[in-house]
Amino acid sequence: LSITFLADELPPILPLHVWNGRDRASAGSARTTNALESFHHSFNFLLSCHHPSIWTLLKTLQTQQNLSRAKMFRVTRGNVFKSSALERRRNDRIQKLLRN
């Protein structure tokens, strides 16, 4: 049994504008899923095990909800989360490349 894949025969699952990051980068928006990766890392850190009990999972979800509410409260009160100097330099370089 042999299957030959020809890209021209199948339409793409997602259109180019969905997964292409150029428009987001030129608009100054997030270029990656770092926010999601950060959430996943912190949630795993809170769990501190690979197979938690249901009670540990529920307690961790409550803790994460409280942390999220506190962060939302700070944002609604006007606190601005500043990006690091490294992130600002990266953004500047990307904007310069996009202008050229």
N, C-alpha and C. Protein backbone atom coordinates (compact mmCIF):
# COMPACT_ATOMS: atom_id res chain seq x y z
N LEU A 1 0.85 -1.17 0.00
CA LEU A 1 0.00 0.00 0.00
C LEU A 1 0.90 1.24 0.00
N SER A 2 0.66 2.12 -0.93
CA SER A 2 1.46 3.32 -1.05
C SER A 2 0.53 4.53 -1.19
N ILE A 3 0.79 5.55 -0.39
CA ILE A 3 -0.01 6.77 -0.47
C ILE A 3 0.92 7.91 -0.86
N THR A 4 0.56 8.59 -1.89
CA THR A 4 1.33 9.74 -2.36
C THR A 4 0.57 11.00 -2.01
N PHE A 5 1.24 11.91 -1.35
CA PHE A 5 0.60 13.16 -0.96
C PHE A 5 0.98 14.25 -1.95
N LEU A 6 -0.02 14.84 -2.54
CA LEU A 6 0.20 15.96 -3.44
C LEU A 6 -0.49 17.17 -2.84
N ALA A 7 0.30 18.17 -2.50
CA ALA A 7 -0.24 19.35 -1.82
C ALA A 7 -1.26 20.09 -2.67
N ASP A 8 -1.15 20.01 -3.99
CA ASP A 8 -2.06 20.74 -4.85
C ASP A 8 -3.47 20.14 -4.86
N GLU A 9 -3.60 18.91 -4.42
CA GLU A 9 -4.89 18.26 -4.47
C GLU A 9 -5.80 18.63 -3.30
N LEU A 10 -5.22 18.97 -2.16
CA LEU A 10 -6.01 19.25 -0.98
C LEU A 10 -5.98 20.73 -0.64
N PRO A 11 -7.13 21.29 -0.32
CA PRO A 11 -7.11 22.68 0.14
C PRO A 11 -6.53 22.73 1.55
N PRO A 12 -5.95 23.85 1.96
CA PRO A 12 -5.40 23.94 3.31
C PRO A 12 -6.51 23.85 4.35
N ILE A 13 -6.19 23.27 5.49
CA ILE A 13 -7.17 23.15 6.57
C ILE A 13 -7.50 24.53 7.12
N LEU A 14 -6.49 25.34 7.31
CA LEU A 14 -6.68 26.71 7.80
C LEU A 14 -6.16 27.69 6.76
N PRO A 15 -6.85 28.77 6.52
CA PRO A 15 -6.36 29.76 5.56
C PRO A 15 -5.08 30.43 6.07
N LEU A 16 -4.33 30.99 5.16
CA LEU A 16 -3.03 31.58 5.47
C LEU A 16 -3.13 32.65 6.55
N HIS A 17 -4.15 33.49 6.52
CA HIS A 17 -4.22 34.59 7.49
C HIS A 17 -4.42 34.10 8.92
N VAL A 18 -4.86 32.88 9.11
CA VAL A 18 -5.08 32.36 10.46
C VAL A 18 -3.76 32.02 11.13
N TRP A 19 -2.85 31.38 10.43
CA TRP A 19 -1.61 30.92 11.07
C TRP A 19 -0.41 31.78 10.75
N ASN A 20 -0.49 32.68 9.79
CA ASN A 20 0.63 33.55 9.46
C ASN A 20 0.73 34.67 10.50
N GLY A 21 1.90 34.86 11.09
CA GLY A 21 2.08 35.84 12.14
C GLY A 21 2.53 37.21 11.68
N ARG A 22 2.71 37.40 10.39
CA ARG A 22 3.21 38.69 9.90
C ARG A 22 2.27 39.84 10.23
N ASP A 23 0.98 39.65 10.00
CA ASP A 23 0.03 40.73 10.28
C ASP A 23 0.01 41.08 11.77
N ARG A 24 0.05 40.05 12.61
CA ARG A 24 0.07 40.31 14.06
C ARG A 24 1.35 41.02 14.47
N ALA A 25 2.47 40.61 13.89
CA ALA A 25 3.75 41.24 14.24
C ALA A 25 3.79 42.69 13.79
N SER A 26 3.28 42.96 12.60
CA SER A 26 3.30 44.34 12.10
C SER A 26 2.34 45.22 12.88
N ALA A 27 1.30 44.64 13.47
CA ALA A 27 0.36 45.40 14.28
C ALA A 27 0.85 45.55 15.72
N GLY A 28 1.96 44.89 16.06
CA GLY A 28 2.49 44.96 17.42
C GLY A 28 1.80 44.02 18.38
N SER A 29 1.02 43.09 17.89
CA SER A 29 0.33 42.13 18.73
C SER A 29 1.25 40.97 19.09
N ALA A 30 0.74 40.07 19.90
CA ALA A 30 1.53 38.90 20.29
C ALA A 30 1.87 38.06 19.07
N ARG A 31 3.12 37.65 18.99
CA ARG A 31 3.57 36.86 17.84
C ARG A 31 3.50 35.37 18.10
N THR A 32 3.47 34.99 19.35
CA THR A 32 3.47 33.57 19.69
C THR A 32 2.40 33.29 20.72
N THR A 33 2.37 32.07 21.16
CA THR A 33 1.42 31.66 22.20
C THR A 33 2.10 31.68 23.56
N ASN A 34 3.01 32.61 23.77
CA ASN A 34 3.74 32.65 25.03
C ASN A 34 2.82 32.80 26.24
N ALA A 35 1.73 33.55 26.09
CA ALA A 35 0.81 33.71 27.21
C ALA A 35 0.20 32.37 27.60
N LEU A 36 -0.17 31.59 26.61
CA LEU A 36 -0.73 30.27 26.88
C LEU A 36 0.33 29.35 27.46
N GLU A 37 1.53 29.40 26.91
CA GLU A 37 2.61 28.58 27.43
C GLU A 37 2.95 28.96 28.86
N SER A 38 2.90 30.25 29.16
CA SER A 38 3.16 30.71 30.52
C SER A 38 2.09 30.20 31.48
N PHE A 39 0.83 30.28 31.05
CA PHE A 39 -0.25 29.75 31.89
C PHE A 39 -0.06 28.26 32.14
N HIS A 40 0.25 27.52 31.09
CA HIS A 40 0.42 26.08 31.21
C HIS A 40 1.56 25.75 32.17
N HIS A 41 2.66 26.47 32.06
CA HIS A 41 3.81 26.24 32.94
C HIS A 41 3.44 26.53 34.40
N SER A 42 2.79 27.66 34.64
CA SER A 42 2.44 28.01 36.03
C SER A 42 1.40 27.05 36.59
N PHE A 43 0.46 26.60 35.76
CA PHE A 43 -0.54 25.64 36.23
C PHE A 43 0.12 24.32 36.59
N ASN A 44 1.03 23.85 35.75
CA ASN A 44 1.76 22.62 36.07
C ASN A 44 2.60 22.78 37.34
N PHE A 45 3.16 23.97 37.53
CA PHE A 45 3.94 24.23 38.74
C PHE A 45 3.04 24.15 39.97
N LEU A 46 1.84 24.71 39.87
CA LEU A 46 0.90 24.65 40.98
C LEU A 46 0.47 23.22 41.29
N LEU A 47 0.30 22.41 40.23
CA LEU A 47 -0.10 21.02 40.44
C LEU A 47 1.00 20.20 41.11
N SER A 48 2.21 20.42 40.70
CA SER A 48 3.42 19.77 41.23
C SER A 48 3.41 18.24 41.12
N CYS A 49 2.58 17.69 40.24
CA CYS A 49 2.62 16.25 39.97
C CYS A 49 1.95 15.98 38.63
N HIS A 50 2.23 14.82 38.05
CA HIS A 50 1.70 14.50 36.74
C HIS A 50 0.27 13.97 36.77
N HIS A 51 -0.09 13.28 37.82
CA HIS A 51 -1.42 12.67 37.93
C HIS A 51 -2.05 13.03 39.26
N PRO A 52 -2.58 14.26 39.37
CA PRO A 52 -3.13 14.68 40.65
C PRO A 52 -4.46 14.00 40.95
N SER A 53 -4.80 13.97 42.22
CA SER A 53 -6.12 13.48 42.61
C SER A 53 -7.14 14.54 42.22
N ILE A 54 -8.39 14.18 42.24
CA ILE A 54 -9.44 15.14 41.87
C ILE A 54 -9.45 16.31 42.84
N TRP A 55 -9.13 16.05 44.12
CA TRP A 55 -9.14 17.11 45.12
C TRP A 55 -7.98 18.08 44.90
N THR A 56 -6.83 17.55 44.54
CA THR A 56 -5.68 18.41 44.23
C THR A 56 -5.97 19.25 42.99
N LEU A 57 -6.57 18.64 42.00
CA LEU A 57 -6.92 19.37 40.78
C LEU A 57 -7.90 20.48 41.08
N LEU A 58 -8.95 20.21 41.86
CA LEU A 58 -9.94 21.23 42.19
C LEU A 58 -9.31 22.37 42.99
N LYS A 59 -8.46 22.04 43.96
CA LYS A 59 -7.78 23.07 44.75
C LYS A 59 -6.88 23.94 43.86
N THR A 60 -6.19 23.32 42.93
CA THR A 60 -5.31 24.05 42.02
C THR A 60 -6.12 24.95 41.09
N LEU A 61 -7.25 24.45 40.61
CA LEU A 61 -8.12 25.28 39.76
C LEU A 61 -8.64 26.49 40.52
N GLN A 62 -8.99 26.31 41.81
CA GLN A 62 -9.44 27.43 42.62
C GLN A 62 -8.32 28.44 42.82
N THR A 63 -7.12 27.96 43.07
CA THR A 63 -5.97 28.85 43.24
C THR A 63 -5.71 29.63 41.97
N GLN A 64 -5.75 28.95 40.82
CA GLN A 64 -5.51 29.61 39.54
C GLN A 64 -6.59 30.65 39.26
N GLN A 65 -7.84 30.33 39.60
CA GLN A 65 -8.94 31.29 39.41
C GLN A 65 -8.72 32.53 40.26
N ASN A 66 -8.29 32.35 41.50
CA ASN A 66 -8.01 33.50 42.37
C ASN A 66 -6.87 34.35 41.84
N LEU A 67 -5.82 33.71 41.32
CA LEU A 67 -4.71 34.45 40.73
C LEU A 67 -5.16 35.24 39.51
N SER A 68 -6.01 34.62 38.69
CA SER A 68 -6.52 35.29 37.49
C SER A 68 -7.40 36.48 37.86
N ARG A 69 -8.24 36.30 38.86
CA ARG A 69 -9.11 37.41 39.29
C ARG A 69 -8.27 38.57 39.84
N ALA A 70 -7.23 38.25 40.60
CA ALA A 70 -6.37 39.30 41.14
C ALA A 70 -5.68 40.06 40.01
N LYS A 71 -5.23 39.34 39.00
CA LYS A 71 -4.57 39.99 37.86
C LYS A 71 -5.57 40.86 37.09
N MET A 72 -6.78 40.34 36.88
CA MET A 72 -7.81 41.13 36.19
C MET A 72 -8.16 42.39 36.99
N PHE A 73 -8.20 42.27 38.31
CA PHE A 73 -8.49 43.42 39.16
C PHE A 73 -7.40 44.48 39.00
N ARG A 74 -6.13 44.05 39.00
CA ARG A 74 -5.03 45.01 38.83
C ARG A 74 -5.12 45.70 37.47
N VAL A 75 -5.50 44.97 36.43
CA VAL A 75 -5.60 45.57 35.10
C VAL A 75 -6.75 46.57 35.07
N THR A 76 -7.89 46.22 35.65
CA THR A 76 -9.03 47.15 35.63
C THR A 76 -8.77 48.38 36.49
N ARG A 77 -7.87 48.28 37.45
CA ARG A 77 -7.50 49.43 38.27
C ARG A 77 -6.47 50.33 37.58
N GLY A 78 -6.00 49.91 36.41
CA GLY A 78 -5.08 50.75 35.65
C GLY A 78 -3.63 50.33 35.70
N ASN A 79 -3.31 49.26 36.38
CA ASN A 79 -1.92 48.77 36.39
C ASN A 79 -1.56 48.26 35.01
N VAL A 80 -0.43 48.69 34.52
CA VAL A 80 0.05 48.28 33.21
C VAL A 80 1.23 47.33 33.40
N PHE A 81 1.16 46.19 32.74
CA PHE A 81 2.26 45.23 32.80
C PHE A 81 3.25 45.57 31.69
N LYS A 82 4.44 46.00 32.08
CA LYS A 82 5.44 46.43 31.10
C LYS A 82 6.22 45.22 30.59
N SER A 83 6.58 45.29 29.32
CA SER A 83 7.40 44.22 28.75
C SER A 83 8.85 44.45 29.15
N SER A 84 9.64 43.39 29.08
CA SER A 84 11.05 43.48 29.47
C SER A 84 11.83 44.22 28.39
N ALA A 85 13.02 44.66 28.74
CA ALA A 85 13.88 45.35 27.78
C ALA A 85 14.22 44.44 26.61
N LEU A 86 14.43 43.16 26.90
CA LEU A 86 14.73 42.20 25.83
C LEU A 86 13.56 42.08 24.87
N GLU A 87 12.36 42.01 25.39
CA GLU A 87 11.17 41.90 24.54
C GLU A 87 10.98 43.18 23.71
N ARG A 88 11.24 44.33 24.30
CA ARG A 88 11.11 45.59 23.54
C ARG A 88 12.14 45.64 22.41
N ARG A 89 13.38 45.19 22.67
CA ARG A 89 14.40 45.17 21.61
C ARG A 89 13.99 44.22 20.49
N ARG A 90 13.46 43.04 20.85
CA ARG A 90 13.00 42.09 19.84
C ARG A 90 11.89 42.69 18.99
N ASN A 91 10.93 43.33 19.65
CA ASN A 91 9.84 43.95 18.91
C ASN A 91 10.34 45.05 17.98
N ASP A 92 11.29 45.84 18.46
CA ASP A 92 11.86 46.89 17.61
C ASP A 92 12.55 46.31 16.39
N ARG A 93 13.32 45.24 16.57
CA ARG A 93 14.00 44.61 15.43
C ARG A 93 13.00 44.04 14.44
N ILE A 94 11.93 43.43 14.93
CA ILE A 94 10.92 42.87 14.04
C ILE A 94 10.21 43.98 13.28
N GLN A 95 9.87 45.07 13.95
CA GLN A 95 9.23 46.18 13.26
C GLN A 95 10.14 46.77 12.19
N LYS A 96 11.43 46.85 12.49
CA LYS A 96 12.40 47.37 11.51
C LYS A 96 12.47 46.45 10.29
N LEU A 97 12.49 45.13 10.53
CA LEU A 97 12.52 44.18 9.41
C LEU A 97 11.26 44.26 8.56
N LEU A 98 10.13 44.44 9.20
CA LEU A 98 8.86 44.51 8.45
C LEU A 98 8.76 45.78 7.63
N ARG A 99 9.39 46.87 8.09
CA ARG A 99 9.34 48.13 7.33
C ARG A 99 10.23 48.05 6.07
N ASN A 100 11.28 47.24 6.11
CA ASN A 100 12.20 47.15 4.97
C ASN A 100 11.69 46.25 3.88
